Amino acid sequence: MLVDMTTSKPPHKASNRAIWLKHQLEIHGTSYAKIAREEGVTRQAARKVVYSRSSRMEAAIARRLGLMPKQIWPERYPHDA
């Protein structure tokens, strides 16, 4: 399945979302490494948020994309939908 990189709406499937997130960060002039430096965490900590929950990193990534964390990871925020 191809991932639509032109949309600002994240894919539902986690593996597709990982690809989409990396692309969106590039479009917005940033990267996991840059966010990690700005947040004072390792690059691995920034990337780990793709597959595991970290409210701090979810917020940091979402903020840079102009989105809310629940828009990127709706399954992590079922009561906020």
PDB file of N, CA and C in Angstrom:
ATOM      1  N   MET A   1       0.841  -1.183   0.000  1.00  0.00           N
ATOM      2  CA  MET A   1       0.000   0.000   0.000  1.00  0.00           C
ATOM      3  C   MET A   1       0.884   1.244   0.000  1.00  0.00           C
ATOM      4  N   LEU A   2       0.554   2.177  -0.854  1.00  0.00           N
ATOM      5  CA  LEU A   2       1.283   3.433  -0.909  1.00  0.00           C
ATOM      6  C   LEU A   2       0.763   4.380   0.156  1.00  0.00           C
ATOM      7  N   VAL A   3       1.650   5.191   0.671  1.00  0.00           N
ATOM      8  CA  VAL A   3       1.282   6.170   1.687  1.00  0.00           C
ATOM      9  C   VAL A   3       1.155   7.523   1.011  1.00  0.00           C
ATOM     10  N   ASP A   4       0.005   8.169   1.172  1.00  0.00           N
ATOM     11  CA  ASP A   4      -0.222   9.488   0.587  1.00  0.00           C
ATOM     12  C   ASP A   4       0.529  10.532   1.402  1.00  0.00           C
ATOM     13  N   MET A   5       1.611  11.031   0.846  1.00  0.00           N
ATOM     14  CA  MET A   5       2.439  12.006   1.554  1.00  0.00           C
ATOM     15  C   MET A   5       1.919  13.428   1.405  1.00  0.00           C
ATOM     16  N   THR A   6       0.963  13.629   0.508  1.00  0.00           N
ATOM     17  CA  THR A   6       0.490  14.985   0.243  1.00  0.00           C
ATOM     18  C   THR A   6      -0.575  15.453   1.218  1.00  0.00           C
ATOM     19  N   THR A   7      -1.098  14.565   2.000  1.00  0.00           N
ATOM     20  CA  THR A   7      -2.169  14.923   2.918  1.00  0.00           C
ATOM     21  C   THR A   7      -1.623  15.252   4.302  1.00  0.00           C
ATOM     22  N   SER A   8      -2.316  16.135   4.988  1.00  0.00           N
ATOM     23  CA  SER A   8      -1.916  16.450   6.363  1.00  0.00           C
ATOM     24  C   SER A   8      -2.612  15.523   7.354  1.00  0.00           C
ATOM     25  N   LYS A   9      -3.433  14.609   6.828  1.00  0.00           N
ATOM     26  CA  LYS A   9      -4.135  13.649   7.686  1.00  0.00           C
ATOM     27  C   LYS A   9      -3.294  12.381   7.819  1.00  0.00           C
ATOM     28  N   PRO A  10      -2.912  12.021   9.043  1.00  0.00           N
ATOM     29  CA  PRO A  10      -2.066  10.840   9.249  1.00  0.00           C
ATOM     30  C   PRO A  10      -2.770   9.538   8.884  1.00  0.00           C
ATOM     31  N   PRO A  11      -2.026   8.571   8.338  1.00  0.00           N
ATOM     32  CA  PRO A  11      -2.591   7.249   8.059  1.00  0.00           C
ATOM     33  C   PRO A  11      -2.958   6.532   9.358  1.00  0.00           C
ATOM     34  N   HIS A  12      -3.897   5.606   9.273  1.00  0.00           N
ATOM     35  CA  HIS A  12      -4.323   4.843  10.453  1.00  0.00           C
ATOM     36  C   HIS A  12      -3.301   3.781  10.847  1.00  0.00           C
ATOM     37  N   LYS A  13      -2.701   3.131   9.864  1.00  0.00           N
ATOM     38  CA  LYS A  13      -1.762   2.040  10.125  1.00  0.00           C
ATOM     39  C   LYS A  13      -0.440   2.610  10.651  1.00  0.00           C
ATOM     40  N   ALA A  14       0.041   2.054  11.759  1.00  0.00           N
ATOM     41  CA  ALA A  14       1.243   2.579  12.422  1.00  0.00           C
ATOM     42  C   ALA A  14       2.464   2.587  11.512  1.00  0.00           C
ATOM     43  N   SER A  15       2.669   1.533  10.737  1.00  0.00           N
ATOM     44  CA  SER A  15       3.854   1.490   9.872  1.00  0.00           C
ATOM     45  C   SER A  15       3.783   2.563   8.789  1.00  0.00           C
ATOM     46  N   ASN A  16       2.600   2.817   8.259  1.00  0.00           N
ATOM     47  CA  ASN A  16       2.431   3.894   7.281  1.00  0.00           C
ATOM     48  C   ASN A  16       2.577   5.252   7.951  1.00  0.00           C
ATOM     49  N   ARG A  17       2.114   5.346   9.174  1.00  0.00           N
ATOM     50  CA  ARG A  17       2.205   6.600   9.916  1.00  0.00           C
ATOM     51  C   ARG A  17       3.663   6.984  10.164  1.00  0.00           C
ATOM     52  N   ALA A  18       4.506   5.993  10.407  1.00  0.00           N
ATOM     53  CA  ALA A  18       5.928   6.253  10.630  1.00  0.00           C
ATOM     54  C   ALA A  18       6.553   6.911   9.401  1.00  0.00           C
ATOM     55  N   ILE A  19       6.239   6.399   8.232  1.00  0.00           N
ATOM     56  CA  ILE A  19       6.744   6.968   6.979  1.00  0.00           C
ATOM     57  C   ILE A  19       6.182   8.368   6.787  1.00  0.00           C
ATOM     58  N   TRP A  20       4.885   8.519   7.004  1.00  0.00           N
ATOM     59  CA  TRP A  20       4.216   9.809   6.854  1.00  0.00           C
ATOM     60  C   TRP A  20       4.816  10.849   7.802  1.00  0.00           C
ATOM     61  N   LEU A  21       5.037  10.463   9.069  1.00  0.00           N
ATOM     62  CA  LEU A  21       5.597  11.393  10.051  1.00  0.00           C
ATOM     63  C   LEU A  21       6.969  11.892   9.627  1.00  0.00           C
ATOM     64  N   LYS A  22       7.831  10.987   9.203  1.00  0.00           N
ATOM     65  CA  LYS A  22       9.179  11.377   8.778  1.00  0.00           C
ATOM     66  C   LYS A  22       9.095  12.384   7.635  1.00  0.00           C
ATOM     67  N   HIS A  23       8.227  12.120   6.682  1.00  0.00           N
ATOM     68  CA  HIS A  23       8.056  13.024   5.547  1.00  0.00           C
ATOM     69  C   HIS A  23       7.502  14.377   5.991  1.00  0.00           C
ATOM     70  N   GLN A  24       6.502  14.362   6.851  1.00  0.00           N
ATOM     71  CA  GLN A  24       5.917  15.615   7.331  1.00  0.00           C
ATOM     72  C   GLN A  24       6.932  16.447   8.109  1.00  0.00           C
ATOM     73  N   LEU A  25       7.763  15.797   8.904  1.00  0.00           N
ATOM     74  CA  LEU A  25       8.801  16.524   9.634  1.00  0.00           C
ATOM     75  C   LEU A  25       9.757  17.197   8.654  1.00  0.00           C
ATOM     76  N   GLU A  26      10.122  16.484   7.588  1.00  0.00           N
ATOM     77  CA  GLU A  26      11.002  17.065   6.569  1.00  0.00           C
ATOM     78  C   GLU A  26      10.344  18.267   5.901  1.00  0.00           C
ATOM     79  N   ILE A  27       9.069  18.145   5.565  1.00  0.00           N
ATOM     80  CA  ILE A  27       8.330  19.252   4.947  1.00  0.00           C
ATOM     81  C   ILE A  27       8.347  20.480   5.847  1.00  0.00           C
ATOM     82  N   HIS A  28       8.255  20.247   7.150  1.00  0.00           N
ATOM     83  CA  HIS A  28       8.223  21.341   8.120  1.00  0.00           C
ATOM     84  C   HIS A  28       9.623  21.775   8.567  1.00  0.00           C
ATOM     85  N   GLY A  29      10.644  21.278   7.872  1.00  0.00           N
ATOM     86  CA  GLY A  29      12.009  21.712   8.135  1.00  0.00           C
ATOM     87  C   GLY A  29      12.621  21.201   9.420  1.00  0.00           C
ATOM     88  N   THR A  30      12.183  20.042   9.847  1.00  0.00           N
ATOM     89  CA  THR A  30      12.731  19.484  11.082  1.00  0.00           C
ATOM     90  C   THR A  30      12.933  17.983  10.925  1.00  0.00           C
ATOM     91  N   SER A  31      13.369  17.343  11.967  1.00  0.00           N
ATOM     92  CA  SER A  31      13.619  15.899  11.956  1.00  0.00           C
ATOM     93  C   SER A  31      13.535  15.385  13.384  1.00  0.00           C
ATOM     94  N   TYR A  32      13.533  14.065  13.521  1.00  0.00           N
ATOM     95  CA  TYR A  32      13.543  13.488  14.864  1.00  0.00           C
ATOM     96  C   TYR A  32      14.797  13.931  15.617  1.00  0.00           C
ATOM     97  N   ALA A  33      15.931  13.961  14.936  1.00  0.00           N
ATOM     98  CA  ALA A  33      17.190  14.354  15.586  1.00  0.00           C
ATOM     99  C   ALA A  33      17.130  15.798  16.077  1.00  0.00           C
ATOM    100  N   LYS A  34      16.597  16.683  15.258  1.00  0.00           N
ATOM    101  CA  LYS A  34      16.499  18.092  15.649  1.00  0.00           C
ATOM    102  C   LYS A  34      15.545  18.262  16.834  1.00  0.00           C
ATOM    103  N   ILE A  35      14.412  17.597  16.780  1.00  0.00           N
ATOM    104  CA  ILE A  35      13.455  17.668  17.888  1.00  0.00           C
ATOM    105  C   ILE A  35      14.091  17.112  19.154  1.00  0.00           C
ATOM    106  N   ALA A  36      14.819  16.015  19.018  1.00  0.00           N
ATOM    107  CA  ALA A  36      15.484  15.411  20.178  1.00  0.00           C
ATOM    108  C   ALA A  36      16.452  16.401  20.821  1.00  0.00           C
ATOM    109  N   ARG A  37      17.264  17.061  20.004  1.00  0.00           N
ATOM    110  CA  ARG A  37      18.202  18.054  20.543  1.00  0.00           C
ATOM    111  C   ARG A  37      17.462  19.178  21.254  1.00  0.00           C
ATOM    112  N   GLU A  38      16.403  19.677  20.624  1.00  0.00           N
ATOM    113  CA  GLU A  38      15.633  20.782  21.206  1.00  0.00           C
ATOM    114  C   GLU A  38      14.936  20.377  22.499  1.00  0.00           C
ATOM    115  N   GLU A  39      14.547  19.114  22.589  1.00  0.00           N
ATOM    116  CA  GLU A  39      13.840  18.624  23.773  1.00  0.00           C
ATOM    117  C   GLU A  39      14.779  18.030  24.821  1.00  0.00           C
ATOM    118  N   GLY A  40      16.056  17.923  24.481  1.00  0.00           N
ATOM    119  CA  GLY A  40      17.028  17.387  25.429  1.00  0.00           C
ATOM    120  C   GLY A  40      16.918  15.890  25.660  1.00  0.00           C
ATOM    121  N   VAL A  41      16.538  15.162  24.608  1.00  0.00           N
ATOM    122  CA  VAL A  41      16.434  13.703  24.694  1.00  0.00           C
ATOM    123  C   VAL A  41      17.249  13.088  23.558  1.00  0.00           C
ATOM    124  N   THR A  42      17.387  11.778  23.580  1.00  0.00           N
ATOM    125  CA  THR A  42      18.111  11.106  22.501  1.00  0.00           C
ATOM    126  C   THR A  42      17.248  11.036  21.245  1.00  0.00           C
ATOM    127  N   ARG A  43      17.919  10.867  20.108  1.00  0.00           N
ATOM    128  CA  ARG A  43      17.193  10.712  18.847  1.00  0.00           C
ATOM    129  C   ARG A  43      16.294   9.481  18.915  1.00  0.00           C
ATOM    130  N   GLN A  44      16.775   8.445  19.583  1.00  0.00           N
ATOM    131  CA  GLN A  44      15.982   7.220  19.719  1.00  0.00           C
ATOM    132  C   GLN A  44      14.701   7.481  20.507  1.00  0.00           C
ATOM    133  N   ALA A  45      14.780   8.321  21.517  1.00  0.00           N
ATOM    134  CA  ALA A  45      13.583   8.658  22.305  1.00  0.00           C
ATOM    135  C   ALA A  45      12.566   9.383  21.440  1.00  0.00           C
ATOM    136  N   ALA A  46      13.047  10.246  20.566  1.00  0.00           N
ATOM    137  CA  ALA A  46      12.137  10.975  19.680  1.00  0.00           C
ATOM    138  C   ALA A  46      11.481  10.029  18.677  1.00  0.00           C
ATOM    139  N   ARG A  47      12.238   9.103  18.126  1.00  0.00           N
ATOM    140  CA  ARG A  47      11.691   8.165  17.138  1.00  0.00           C
ATOM    141  C   ARG A  47      10.797   7.100  17.768  1.00  0.00           C
ATOM    142  N   LYS A  48      11.079   6.759  18.998  1.00  0.00           N
ATOM    143  CA  LYS A  48      10.330   5.702  19.688  1.00  0.00           C
ATOM    144  C   LYS A  48       8.845   6.042  19.816  1.00  0.00           C
ATOM    145  N   VAL A  49       8.527   7.316  19.809  1.00  0.00           N
ATOM    146  CA  VAL A  49       7.139   7.748  19.970  1.00  0.00           C
ATOM    147  C   VAL A  49       6.240   7.234  18.844  1.00  0.00           C
ATOM    148  N   VAL A  50       6.831   6.888  17.715  1.00  0.00           N
ATOM    149  CA  VAL A  50       6.034   6.360  16.607  1.00  0.00           C
ATOM    150  C   VAL A  50       5.279   5.108  17.040  1.00  0.00           C
ATOM    151  N   TYR A  51       5.932   4.269  17.858  1.00  0.00           N
ATOM    152  CA  TYR A  51       5.335   2.989  18.233  1.00  0.00           C
ATOM    153  C   TYR A  51       4.976   2.850  19.706  1.00  0.00           C
ATOM    154  N   SER A  52       5.436   3.773  20.534  1.00  0.00           N
ATOM    155  CA  SER A  52       5.084   3.703  21.954  1.00  0.00           C
ATOM    156  C   SER A  52       4.789   5.100  22.483  1.00  0.00           C
ATOM    157  N   ARG A  53       3.997   5.141  23.499  1.00  0.00           N
ATOM    158  CA  ARG A  53       3.482   6.408  24.004  1.00  0.00           C
ATOM    159  C   ARG A  53       4.515   7.202  24.817  1.00  0.00           C
ATOM    160  N   SER A  54       4.562   8.496  24.523  1.00  0.00           N
ATOM    161  CA  SER A  54       5.341   9.460  25.291  1.00  0.00           C
ATOM    162  C   SER A  54       4.644  10.793  25.093  1.00  0.00           C
ATOM    163  N   SER A  55       3.878  11.209  26.078  1.00  0.00           N
ATOM    164  CA  SER A  55       3.092  12.434  25.902  1.00  0.00           C
ATOM    165  C   SER A  55       3.987  13.636  25.605  1.00  0.00           C
ATOM    166  N   ARG A  56       5.164  13.665  26.204  1.00  0.00           N
ATOM    167  CA  ARG A  56       6.087  14.781  25.947  1.00  0.00           C
ATOM    168  C   ARG A  56       6.507  14.822  24.478  1.00  0.00           C
ATOM    169  N   MET A  57       6.940  13.689  23.930  1.00  0.00           N
ATOM    170  CA  MET A  57       7.397  13.659  22.544  1.00  0.00           C
ATOM    171  C   MET A  57       6.234  13.754  21.566  1.00  0.00           C
ATOM    172  N   GLU A  58       5.090  13.186  21.914  1.00  0.00           N
ATOM    173  CA  GLU A  58       3.907  13.328  21.063  1.00  0.00           C
ATOM    174  C   GLU A  58       3.568  14.803  20.906  1.00  0.00           C
ATOM    175  N   ALA A  59       3.583  15.526  22.012  1.00  0.00           N
ATOM    176  CA  ALA A  59       3.272  16.958  21.981  1.00  0.00           C
ATOM    177  C   ALA A  59       4.317  17.732  21.188  1.00  0.00           C
ATOM    178  N   ALA A  60       5.588  17.394  21.363  1.00  0.00           N
ATOM    179  CA  ALA A  60       6.665  18.096  20.660  1.00  0.00           C
ATOM    180  C   ALA A  60       6.553  17.908  19.151  1.00  0.00           C
ATOM    181  N   ILE A  61       6.295  16.688  18.721  1.00  0.00           N
ATOM    182  CA  ILE A  61       6.164  16.405  17.292  1.00  0.00           C
ATOM    183  C   ILE A  61       4.909  17.056  16.733  1.00  0.00           C
ATOM    184  N   ALA A  62       3.802  16.888  17.418  1.00  0.00           N
ATOM    185  CA  ALA A  62       2.539  17.471  16.955  1.00  0.00           C
ATOM    186  C   ALA A  62       2.647  18.985  16.831  1.00  0.00           C
ATOM    187  N   ARG A  63       3.259  19.618  17.805  1.00  0.00           N
ATOM    188  CA  ARG A  63       3.418  21.076  17.796  1.00  0.00           C
ATOM    189  C   ARG A  63       4.170  21.531  16.538  1.00  0.00           C
ATOM    190  N   ARG A  64       5.200  20.811  16.174  1.00  0.00           N
ATOM    191  CA  ARG A  64       5.992  21.184  15.002  1.00  0.00           C
ATOM    192  C   ARG A  64       5.248  20.943  13.691  1.00  0.00           C
ATOM    193  N   LEU A  65       4.238  20.082  13.739  1.00  0.00           N
ATOM    194  CA  LEU A  65       3.434  19.826  12.544  1.00  0.00           C
ATOM    195  C   LEU A  65       2.149  20.647  12.525  1.00  0.00           C
ATOM    196  N   GLY A  66       1.928  21.433  13.569  1.00  0.00           N
ATOM    197  CA  GLY A  66       0.713  22.235  13.643  1.00  0.00           C
ATOM    198  C   GLY A  66      -0.526  21.400  13.894  1.00  0.00           C
ATOM    199  N   LEU A  67      -0.353  20.277  14.571  1.00  0.00           N
ATOM    200  CA  LEU A  67      -1.458  19.368  14.867  1.00  0.00           C
ATOM    201  C   LEU A  67      -1.543  19.123  16.360  1.00  0.00           C
ATOM    202  N   MET A  68      -2.608  18.471  16.770  1.00  0.00           N
ATOM    203  CA  MET A  68      -2.759  18.003  18.141  1.00  0.00           C
ATOM    204  C   MET A  68      -2.286  16.547  18.168  1.00  0.00           C
ATOM    205  N   PRO A  69      -1.703  16.096  19.277  1.00  0.00           N
ATOM    206  CA  PRO A  69      -1.283  14.693  19.342  1.00  0.00           C
ATOM    207  C   PRO A  69      -2.411  13.718  19.002  1.00  0.00           C
ATOM    208  N   LYS A  70      -3.630  14.009  19.425  1.00  0.00           N
ATOM    209  CA  LYS A  70      -4.745  13.090  19.154  1.00  0.00           C
ATOM    210  C   LYS A  70      -5.068  12.997  17.665  1.00  0.00           C
ATOM    211  N   GLN A  71      -4.643  13.985  16.864  1.00  0.00           N
ATOM    212  CA  GLN A  71      -4.853  13.906  15.423  1.00  0.00           C
ATOM    213  C   GLN A  71      -3.861  12.934  14.780  1.00  0.00           C
ATOM    214  N   ILE A  72      -2.691  12.817  15.356  1.00  0.00           N
ATOM    215  CA  ILE A  72      -1.671  11.917  14.825  1.00  0.00           C
ATOM    216  C   ILE A  72      -1.855  10.503  15.364  1.00  0.00           C
ATOM    217  N   TRP A  73      -2.158  10.400  16.650  1.00  0.00           N
ATOM    218  CA  TRP A  73      -2.298   9.107  17.331  1.00  0.00           C
ATOM    219  C   TRP A  73      -3.686   8.994  17.964  1.00  0.00           C
ATOM    220  N   PRO A  74      -4.766   8.927  17.187  1.00  0.00           N
ATOM    221  CA  PRO A  74      -6.117   8.904  17.769  1.00  0.00           C
ATOM    222  C   PRO A  74      -6.365   7.701  18.676  1.00  0.00           C
ATOM    223  N   GLU A  75      -5.701   6.589  18.408  1.00  0.00           N
ATOM    224  CA  GLU A  75      -5.896   5.395  19.240  1.00  0.00           C
ATOM    225  C   GLU A  75      -5.327   5.578  20.643  1.00  0.00           C
ATOM    226  N   ARG A  76      -4.462   6.538  20.828  1.00  0.00           N
ATOM    227  CA  ARG A  76      -3.883   6.804  22.150  1.00  0.00           C
ATOM    228  C   ARG A  76      -4.733   7.776  22.963  1.00  0.00           C
ATOM    229  N   TYR A  77      -5.696   8.395  22.306  1.00  0.00           N
ATOM    230  CA  TYR A  77      -6.545   9.386  22.968  1.00  0.00           C
ATOM    231  C   TYR A  77      -8.018   9.077  22.709  1.00  0.00           C
ATOM    232  N   PRO A  78      -8.485   7.886  23.068  1.00  0.00           N
ATOM    233  CA  PRO A  78      -9.857   7.493  22.731  1.00  0.00           C
ATOM    234  C   PRO A  78     -10.931   8.351  23.393  1.00  0.00           C
ATOM    235  N   HIS A  79     -10.642   8.921  24.546  1.00  0.00           N
ATOM    236  CA  HIS A  79     -11.653   9.713  25.247  1.00  0.00           C
ATOM    237  C   HIS A  79     -11.679  11.160  24.790  1.00  0.00           C
ATOM    238  N   ASP A  80     -10.691  11.562  24.007  1.00  0.00           N
ATOM    239  CA  ASP A  80     -10.622  12.939  23.529  1.00  0.00           C
ATOM    240  C   ASP A  80     -11.211  13.104  22.143  1.00  0.00           C
ATOM    241  N   ALA A  81     -11.653  12.025  21.514  1.00  0.00           N
ATOM    242  CA  ALA A  81     -12.101  12.070  20.121  1.00  0.00           C
ATOM    243  C   ALA A  81     -13.310  12.888  19.890  1.00  0.00           C
TER     244      ALA A  81
END
